[in-house]
Structures are given as structure tokens and as C-alpha cells.
PDB file of all heavy atoms in Angstrom:
ATOM      1  N   TRP A   1     100.028 135.513 112.462  1.00  0.00           N
ATOM      2  CA  TRP A   1     100.836 135.169 111.286  1.00  0.00           C
ATOM      3  C   TRP A   1     100.894 133.647 111.141  1.00  0.00           C
ATOM      4  O   TRP A   1     100.810 133.115 110.022  1.00  0.00           O
ATOM      5  CB  TRP A   1     102.248 135.739 111.445  1.00  0.00           C
ATOM      6  CG  TRP A   1     103.170 135.404 110.307  1.00  0.00           C
ATOM      7  CD1 TRP A   1     103.399 136.148 109.192  1.00  0.00           C
ATOM      8  CD2 TRP A   1     103.963 134.215 110.167  1.00  0.00           C
ATOM      9  NE1 TRP A   1     104.291 135.492 108.366  1.00  0.00           N
ATOM     10  CE2 TRP A   1     104.646 134.309 108.934  1.00  0.00           C
ATOM     11  CE3 TRP A   1     104.159 133.080 110.955  1.00  0.00           C
ATOM     12  CZ2 TRP A   1     105.519 133.317 108.484  1.00  0.00           C
ATOM     13  CZ3 TRP A   1     105.023 132.093 110.511  1.00  0.00           C
ATOM     14  CH2 TRP A   1     105.689 132.214 109.295  1.00  0.00           C
ATOM     15  N   THR A   2     101.043 132.948 112.252  1.00  0.00           N
ATOM     16  CA  THR A   2     101.100 131.482 112.237  1.00  0.00           C
ATOM     17  C   THR A   2      99.845 130.897 111.608  1.00  0.00           C
ATOM     18  O   THR A   2      99.904 129.983 110.779  1.00  0.00           O
ATOM     19  CB  THR A   2     101.274 130.957 113.675  1.00  0.00           C
ATOM     20  OG1 THR A   2     102.487 131.482 114.221  1.00  0.00           O
ATOM     21  CG2 THR A   2     101.307 129.445 113.718  1.00  0.00           C
ATOM     22  N   LYS A   3      98.704 131.423 111.988  1.00  0.00           N
ATOM     23  CA  LYS A   3      97.435 130.922 111.450  1.00  0.00           C
ATOM     24  C   LYS A   3      97.296 131.236 109.961  1.00  0.00           C
ATOM     25  O   LYS A   3      96.814 130.403 109.181  1.00  0.00           O
ATOM     26  CB  LYS A   3      96.269 131.522 112.233  1.00  0.00           C
ATOM     27  CG  LYS A   3      96.276 131.161 113.709  1.00  0.00           C
ATOM     28  CD  LYS A   3      95.187 131.905 114.464  1.00  0.00           C
ATOM     29  CE  LYS A   3      95.266 131.632 115.961  1.00  0.00           C
ATOM     30  NZ  LYS A   3      94.219 132.358 116.712  1.00  0.00           N
ATOM     31  N   MET A   4      97.719 132.428 109.585  1.00  0.00           N
ATOM     32  CA  MET A   4      97.605 132.822 108.182  1.00  0.00           C
ATOM     33  C   MET A   4      98.588 132.041 107.309  1.00  0.00           C
ATOM     34  O   MET A   4      98.232 131.573 106.222  1.00  0.00           O
ATOM     35  CB  MET A   4      97.866 134.328 108.048  1.00  0.00           C
ATOM     36  CG  MET A   4      96.911 135.191 108.841  1.00  0.00           C
ATOM     37  SD  MET A   4      95.202 135.072 108.275  1.00  0.00           S
ATOM     38  CE  MET A   4      95.246 136.159 106.871  1.00  0.00           C
ATOM     39  N   ALA A   5      99.815 131.887 107.782  1.00  0.00           N
ATOM     40  CA  ALA A   5     100.809 131.137 107.020  1.00  0.00           C
ATOM     41  C   ALA A   5     100.394 129.686 106.846  1.00  0.00           C
ATOM     42  O   ALA A   5     100.649 129.072 105.800  1.00  0.00           O
ATOM     43  CB  ALA A   5     102.170 131.219 107.714  1.00  0.00           C
ATOM     44  N   ALA A   6      99.732 129.132 107.853  1.00  0.00           N
ATOM     45  CA  ALA A   6      99.270 127.748 107.756  1.00  0.00           C
ATOM     46  C   ALA A   6      98.281 127.581 106.608  1.00  0.00           C
ATOM     47  O   ALA A   6      98.291 126.554 105.911  1.00  0.00           O
ATOM     48  CB  ALA A   6      98.626 127.316 109.072  1.00  0.00           C
ATOM     49  N   GLN A   7      97.444 128.574 106.400  1.00  0.00           N
ATOM     50  CA  GLN A   7      96.497 128.510 105.288  1.00  0.00           C
ATOM     51  C   GLN A   7      97.225 128.607 103.950  1.00  0.00           C
ATOM     52  O   GLN A   7      96.941 127.860 103.009  1.00  0.00           O
ATOM     53  CB  GLN A   7      95.474 129.648 105.419  1.00  0.00           C
ATOM     54  CG  GLN A   7      94.573 129.537 106.626  1.00  0.00           C
ATOM     55  CD  GLN A   7      93.719 128.294 106.603  1.00  0.00           C
ATOM     56  OE1 GLN A   7      93.040 127.997 105.614  1.00  0.00           O
ATOM     57  NE2 GLN A   7      93.738 127.536 107.689  1.00  0.00           N
ATOM     58  N   ASP A   8      98.185 129.509 103.882  1.00  0.00           N
ATOM     59  CA  ASP A   8      98.912 129.711 102.631  1.00  0.00           C
ATOM     60  C   ASP A   8      99.769 128.508 102.245  1.00  0.00           C
ATOM     61  O   ASP A   8      99.956 128.230 101.050  1.00  0.00           O
ATOM     62  CB  ASP A   8      99.817 130.940 102.739  1.00  0.00           C
ATOM     63  CG  ASP A   8      99.043 132.244 102.662  1.00  0.00           C
ATOM     64  OD1 ASP A   8      97.962 132.257 102.044  1.00  0.00           O
ATOM     65  OD2 ASP A   8      99.519 133.243 103.222  1.00  0.00           O
ATOM     66  N   LEU A   9     100.300 127.798 103.227  1.00  0.00           N
ATOM     67  CA  LEU A   9     101.270 126.740 102.950  1.00  0.00           C
ATOM     68  C   LEU A   9     100.686 125.333 102.998  1.00  0.00           C
ATOM     69  O   LEU A   9     101.386 124.368 102.690  1.00  0.00           O
ATOM     70  CB  LEU A   9     102.452 126.844 103.920  1.00  0.00           C
ATOM     71  CG  LEU A   9     103.208 128.179 103.865  1.00  0.00           C
ATOM     72  CD1 LEU A   9     104.360 128.184 104.864  1.00  0.00           C
ATOM     73  CD2 LEU A   9     103.724 128.471 102.460  1.00  0.00           C
ATOM     74  N   SER A  10      99.435 125.195 103.402  1.00  0.00           N
ATOM     75  CA  SER A  10      98.816 123.867 103.411  1.00  0.00           C
ATOM     76  C   SER A  10      98.539 123.418 101.973  1.00  0.00           C
ATOM     77  O   SER A  10      98.393 124.257 101.083  1.00  0.00           O
ATOM     78  CB  SER A  10      97.517 123.905 104.210  1.00  0.00           C
ATOM     79  OG  SER A  10      96.568 124.769 103.579  1.00  0.00           O
ATOM     80  N   PRO A  11      98.484 122.108 101.705  1.00  0.00           N
ATOM     81  CA  PRO A  11      98.601 121.014 102.672  1.00  0.00           C
ATOM     82  C   PRO A  11     100.023 120.469 102.836  1.00  0.00           C
ATOM     83  O   PRO A  11     100.238 119.570 103.640  1.00  0.00           O
ATOM     84  CB  PRO A  11      97.722 119.944 102.044  1.00  0.00           C
ATOM     85  CG  PRO A  11      97.946 120.122 100.572  1.00  0.00           C
ATOM     86  CD  PRO A  11      98.083 121.617 100.369  1.00  0.00           C
ATOM     87  N   ARG A  12     100.988 121.014 102.106  1.00  0.00           N
ATOM     88  CA  ARG A  12     102.295 120.342 102.085  1.00  0.00           C
ATOM     89  C   ARG A  12     103.235 120.761 103.210  1.00  0.00           C
ATOM     90  O   ARG A  12     104.190 120.058 103.510  1.00  0.00           O
ATOM     91  CB  ARG A  12     102.951 120.541 100.720  1.00  0.00           C
ATOM     92  CG  ARG A  12     102.164 119.873  99.587  1.00  0.00           C
ATOM     93  CD  ARG A  12     103.013 119.624  98.384  1.00  0.00           C
ATOM     94  NE  ARG A  12     103.376 120.862  97.705  1.00  0.00           N
ATOM     95  CZ  ARG A  12     104.273 120.930  96.716  1.00  0.00           C
ATOM     96  NH1 ARG A  12     104.902 119.833  96.325  1.00  0.00           N
ATOM     97  NH2 ARG A  12     104.540 122.075  96.139  1.00  0.00           N
ATOM     98  N   ILE A  13     102.966 121.902 103.825  1.00  0.00           N
ATOM     99  CA  ILE A  13     103.781 122.349 104.959  1.00  0.00           C
ATOM    100  C   ILE A  13     102.852 122.759 106.085  1.00  0.00           C
ATOM    101  O   ILE A  13     101.935 123.560 105.874  1.00  0.00           O
ATOM    102  CB  ILE A  13     104.688 123.534 104.565  1.00  0.00           C
ATOM    103  CG1 ILE A  13     105.655 123.126 103.454  1.00  0.00           C
ATOM    104  CG2 ILE A  13     105.455 124.053 105.786  1.00  0.00           C
ATOM    105  CD1 ILE A  13     106.424 124.284 102.857  1.00  0.00           C
ATOM    106  N   ARG A  14     103.087 122.217 107.268  1.00  0.00           N
ATOM    107  CA  ARG A  14     102.278 122.575 108.426  1.00  0.00           C
ATOM    108  C   ARG A  14     102.940 123.726 109.180  1.00  0.00           C
ATOM    109  O   ARG A  14     104.163 123.783 109.283  1.00  0.00           O
ATOM    110  CB  ARG A  14     102.110 121.377 109.368  1.00  0.00           C
ATOM    111  CG  ARG A  14     101.368 120.212 108.729  1.00  0.00           C
ATOM    112  CD  ARG A  14     101.119 119.066 109.705  1.00  0.00           C
ATOM    113  NE  ARG A  14     102.357 118.524 110.241  1.00  0.00           N
ATOM    114  CZ  ARG A  14     102.792 118.691 111.488  1.00  0.00           C
ATOM    115  NH1 ARG A  14     102.088 119.415 112.354  1.00  0.00           N
ATOM    116  NH2 ARG A  14     103.924 118.138 111.897  1.00  0.00           N
ATOM    117  N   VAL A  15     102.133 124.638 109.707  1.00  0.00           N
ATOM    118  CA  VAL A  15     102.648 125.774 110.482  1.00  0.00           C
ATOM    119  C   VAL A  15     101.852 125.864 111.781  1.00  0.00           C
ATOM    120  O   VAL A  15     100.625 126.035 111.757  1.00  0.00           O
ATOM    121  CB  VAL A  15     102.521 127.102 109.707  1.00  0.00           C
ATOM    122  CG1 VAL A  15     103.208 128.230 110.489  1.00  0.00           C
ATOM    123  CG2 VAL A  15     103.113 126.983 108.310  1.00  0.00           C
ATOM    124  N   ASN A  16     102.539 125.735 112.889  1.00  0.00           N
ATOM    125  CA  ASN A  16     101.909 125.810 114.208  1.00  0.00           C
ATOM    126  C   ASN A  16     102.785 126.632 115.135  1.00  0.00           C
ATOM    127  O   ASN A  16     103.904 127.015 114.782  1.00  0.00           O
ATOM    128  CB  ASN A  16     101.709 124.404 114.784  1.00  0.00           C
ATOM    129  CG  ASN A  16     100.713 123.587 113.987  1.00  0.00           C
ATOM    130  OD1 ASN A  16      99.510 123.827 114.026  1.00  0.00           O
ATOM    131  ND2 ASN A  16     101.217 122.602 113.249  1.00  0.00           N
ATOM    132  N   GLY A  17     102.297 126.889 116.336  1.00  0.00           N
ATOM    133  CA  GLY A  17     103.073 127.686 117.275  1.00  0.00           C
ATOM    134  C   GLY A  17     102.773 127.337 118.712  1.00  0.00           C
ATOM    135  O   GLY A  17     101.948 126.470 119.012  1.00  0.00           O
ATOM    136  N   ILE A  18     103.452 128.036 119.599  1.00  0.00           N
ATOM    137  CA  ILE A  18     103.289 127.827 121.036  1.00  0.00           C
ATOM    138  C   ILE A  18     103.158 129.174 121.736  1.00  0.00           C
ATOM    139  O   ILE A  18     103.964 130.083 121.513  1.00  0.00           O
ATOM    140  CB  ILE A  18     104.489 127.059 121.627  1.00  0.00           C
ATOM    141  CG1 ILE A  18     104.599 125.666 120.987  1.00  0.00           C
ATOM    142  CG2 ILE A  18     104.358 126.933 123.148  1.00  0.00           C
ATOM    143  CD1 ILE A  18     105.827 124.887 121.433  1.00  0.00           C
ATOM    144  N   TYR A  19     102.116 129.297 122.572  1.00  0.00           N
ATOM    145  CA  TYR A  19     102.026 130.405 123.507  1.00  0.00           C
ATOM    146  C   TYR A  19     102.832 129.994 124.743  1.00  0.00           C
ATOM    147  O   TYR A  19     102.399 129.145 125.513  1.00  0.00           O
ATOM    148  CB  TYR A  19     100.578 130.663 123.919  1.00  0.00           C
ATOM    149  CG  TYR A  19      99.703 131.343 122.888  1.00  0.00           C
ATOM    150  CD1 TYR A  19      98.537 130.733 122.433  1.00  0.00           C
ATOM    151  CD2 TYR A  19     100.006 132.623 122.421  1.00  0.00           C
ATOM    152  CE1 TYR A  19      97.700 131.372 121.529  1.00  0.00           C
ATOM    153  CE2 TYR A  19      99.174 133.266 121.506  1.00  0.00           C
ATOM    154  CZ  TYR A  19      98.020 132.633 121.071  1.00  0.00           C
ATOM    155  OH  TYR A  19      97.204 133.272 120.173  1.00  0.00           O
ATOM    156  N   VAL A  20     103.980 130.598 124.918  1.00  0.00           N
ATOM    157  CA  VAL A  20     104.882 130.214 126.003  1.00  0.00           C
ATOM    158  C   VAL A  20     104.560 131.007 127.269  1.00  0.00           C
ATOM    159  O   VAL A  20     104.424 132.230 127.234  1.00  0.00           O
ATOM    160  CB  VAL A  20     106.343 130.460 125.595  1.00  0.00           C
ATOM    161  CG1 VAL A  20     107.286 130.198 126.763  1.00  0.00           C
ATOM    162  CG2 VAL A  20     106.703 129.580 124.406  1.00  0.00           C
ATOM    163  N   GLY A  21     104.456 130.303 128.386  1.00  0.00           N
ATOM    164  CA  GLY A  21     104.251 130.957 129.671  1.00  0.00           C
ATOM    165  C   GLY A  21     105.573 131.272 130.339  1.00  0.00           C
ATOM    166  O   GLY A  21     106.603 131.457 129.683  1.00  0.00           O
ATOM    167  N   SER A  22     105.578 131.334 131.660  1.00  0.00           N
ATOM    168  CA  SER A  22     106.788 131.666 132.419  1.00  0.00           C
ATOM    169  C   SER A  22     107.702 130.449 132.484  1.00  0.00           C
ATOM    170  O   SER A  22     107.371 129.448 133.119  1.00  0.00           O
ATOM    171  CB  SER A  22     106.406 132.105 133.833  1.00  0.00           C
ATOM    172  OG  SER A  22     105.577 133.252 133.785  1.00  0.00           O
ATOM    173  N   ILE A  23     108.846 130.548 131.818  1.00  0.00           N
ATOM    174  CA  ILE A  23     109.802 129.448 131.746  1.00  0.00           C
ATOM    175  C   ILE A  23     111.123 129.913 132.369  1.00  0.00           C
ATOM    176  O   ILE A  23     111.561 131.042 132.149  1.00  0.00           O
ATOM    177  CB  ILE A  23     110.040 129.020 130.284  1.00  0.00           C
ATOM    178  CG1 ILE A  23     108.701 128.661 129.599  1.00  0.00           C
ATOM    179  CG2 ILE A  23     111.006 127.845 130.224  1.00  0.00           C
ATOM    180  CD1 ILE A  23     107.986 127.467 130.188  1.00  0.00           C
ATOM    181  N   MET A  24     111.755 129.039 133.125  1.00  0.00           N
ATOM    182  CA  MET A  24     112.983 129.406 133.817  1.00  0.00           C
ATOM    183  C   MET A  24     114.158 129.470 132.837  1.00  0.00           C
ATOM    184  O   MET A  24     114.880 128.493 132.619  1.00  0.00           O
ATOM    185  CB  MET A  24     113.284 128.412 134.939  1.00  0.00           C
ATOM    186  CG  MET A  24     114.440 128.856 135.823  1.00  0.00           C
ATOM    187  SD  MET A  24     114.287 130.558 136.437  1.00  0.00           S
ATOM    188  CE  MET A  24     112.890 130.371 137.552  1.00  0.00           C
ATOM    189  N   THR A  25     114.303 130.632 132.231  1.00  0.00           N
ATOM    190  CA  THR A  25     115.432 130.922 131.354  1.00  0.00           C
ATOM    191  C   THR A  25     116.111 132.187 131.875  1.00  0.00           C
ATOM    192  O   THR A  25     115.723 132.742 132.906  1.00  0.00           O
ATOM    193  CB  THR A  25     114.973 131.147 129.908  1.00  0.00           C
ATOM    194  OG1 THR A  25     114.151 132.329 129.857  1.00  0.00           O
ATOM    195  CG2 THR A  25     114.160 129.959 129.392  1.00  0.00           C
ATOM    196  N   SER A  26     117.090 132.683 131.142  1.00  0.00           N
ATOM    197  CA  SER A  26     117.799 133.891 131.566  1.00  0.00           C
ATOM    198  C   SER A  26     116.861 135.088 131.680  1.00  0.00           C
ATOM    199  O   SER A  26     117.127 136.028 132.430  1.00  0.00           O
ATOM    200  CB  SER A  26     118.934 134.205 130.591  1.00  0.00           C
ATOM    201  OG  SER A  26     118.427 134.388 129.277  1.00  0.00           O
ATOM    202  N   ALA A  27     115.748 135.057 130.942  1.00  0.00           N
ATOM    203  CA  ALA A  27     114.790 136.156 131.000  1.00  0.00           C
ATOM    204  C   ALA A  27     114.158 136.292 132.379  1.00  0.00           C
ATOM    205  O   ALA A  27     113.656 137.360 132.737  1.00  0.00           O
ATOM    206  CB  ALA A  27     113.711 135.959 129.942  1.00  0.00           C
ATOM    207  N   LEU A  28     114.188 135.217 133.165  1.00  0.00           N
ATOM    208  CA  LEU A  28     113.589 135.242 134.497  1.00  0.00           C
ATOM    209  C   LEU A  28     114.623 135.294 135.620  1.00  0.00           C
ATOM    210  O   LEU A  28     114.271 135.117 136.790  1.00  0.00           O
ATOM    211  CB  LEU A  28     112.693 134.013 134.704  1.00  0.00           C
ATOM    212  CG  LEU A  28     111.281 134.058 134.112  1.00  0.00           C
ATOM    213  CD1 LEU A  28     110.513 132.806 134.499  1.00  0.00           C
ATOM    214  CD2 LEU A  28     110.512 135.299 134.557  1.00  0.00           C
ATOM    215  N   GLU A  29     115.877 135.526 135.266  1.00  0.00           N
ATOM    216  CA  GLU A  29     116.924 135.530 136.284  1.00  0.00           C
ATOM    217  C   GLU A  29     116.656 136.565 137.377  1.00  0.00           C
ATOM    218  O   GLU A  29     116.828 136.294 138.576  1.00  0.00           O
ATOM    219  CB  GLU A  29     118.281 135.794 135.640  1.00  0.00           C
ATOM    220  CG  GLU A  29     118.844 134.582 134.895  1.00  0.00           C
ATOM    221  CD  GLU A  29     120.161 134.889 134.209  1.00  0.00           C
ATOM    222  OE1 GLU A  29     120.560 136.084 134.210  1.00  0.00           O
ATOM    223  OE2 GLU A  29     120.786 133.960 133.667  1.00  0.00           O
ATOM    224  N   MET A  30     116.229 137.756 136.994  1.00  0.00           N
ATOM    225  CA  MET A  30     115.955 138.802 137.971  1.00  0.00           C
ATOM    226  C   MET A  30     114.816 138.389 138.905  1.00  0.00           C
ATOM    227  O   MET A  30     114.882 138.578 140.115  1.00  0.00           O
ATOM    228  CB  MET A  30     115.606 140.115 137.271  1.00  0.00           C
ATOM    229  CG  MET A  30     115.326 141.267 138.228  1.00  0.00           C
ATOM    230  SD  MET A  30     114.723 142.747 137.392  1.00  0.00           S
ATOM    231  CE  MET A  30     113.046 142.235 136.984  1.00  0.00           C
ATOM    232  N   VAL A  31     113.798 137.793 138.318  1.00  0.00           N
ATOM    233  CA  VAL A  31     112.651 137.346 139.111  1.00  0.00           C
ATOM    234  C   VAL A  31     113.057 136.202 140.032  1.00  0.00           C
ATOM    235  O   VAL A  31     112.680 136.160 141.204  1.00  0.00           O
ATOM    236  CB  VAL A  31     111.499 136.914 138.182  1.00  0.00           C
ATOM    237  CG1 VAL A  31     110.342 136.330 138.997  1.00  0.00           C
ATOM    238  CG2 VAL A  31     111.020 138.095 137.346  1.00  0.00           C
ATOM    239  N   ALA A  32     113.834 135.269 139.500  1.00  0.00           N
ATOM    240  CA  ALA A  32     114.235 134.103 140.289  1.00  0.00           C
ATOM    241  C   ALA A  32     115.050 134.504 141.514  1.00  0.00           C
ATOM    242  O   ALA A  32     115.023 133.812 142.544  1.00  0.00           O
ATOM    243  CB  ALA A  32     115.038 133.135 139.421  1.00  0.00           C
TER     244      ALA A  32
END
């Protein structure tokens, strides 16, 4: 969706994203 929206909204609005890895948040409390 990020890639497609970037095409639709260019050039005046940029759309990018992040592939997030393992980050120490509450989601990892059990693992930690």
C-alpha cells in the first residue's frame, strides 16, 4: 500500500515506510 500510495500522491506528498524488526517494547515483554 505504501508503494502504491506513493505513486498516487507524488510529487506533492511523499509516502514511505519502515520494516520494523525486534524492538524492545511491551510486545516483547514476555520474551524479555
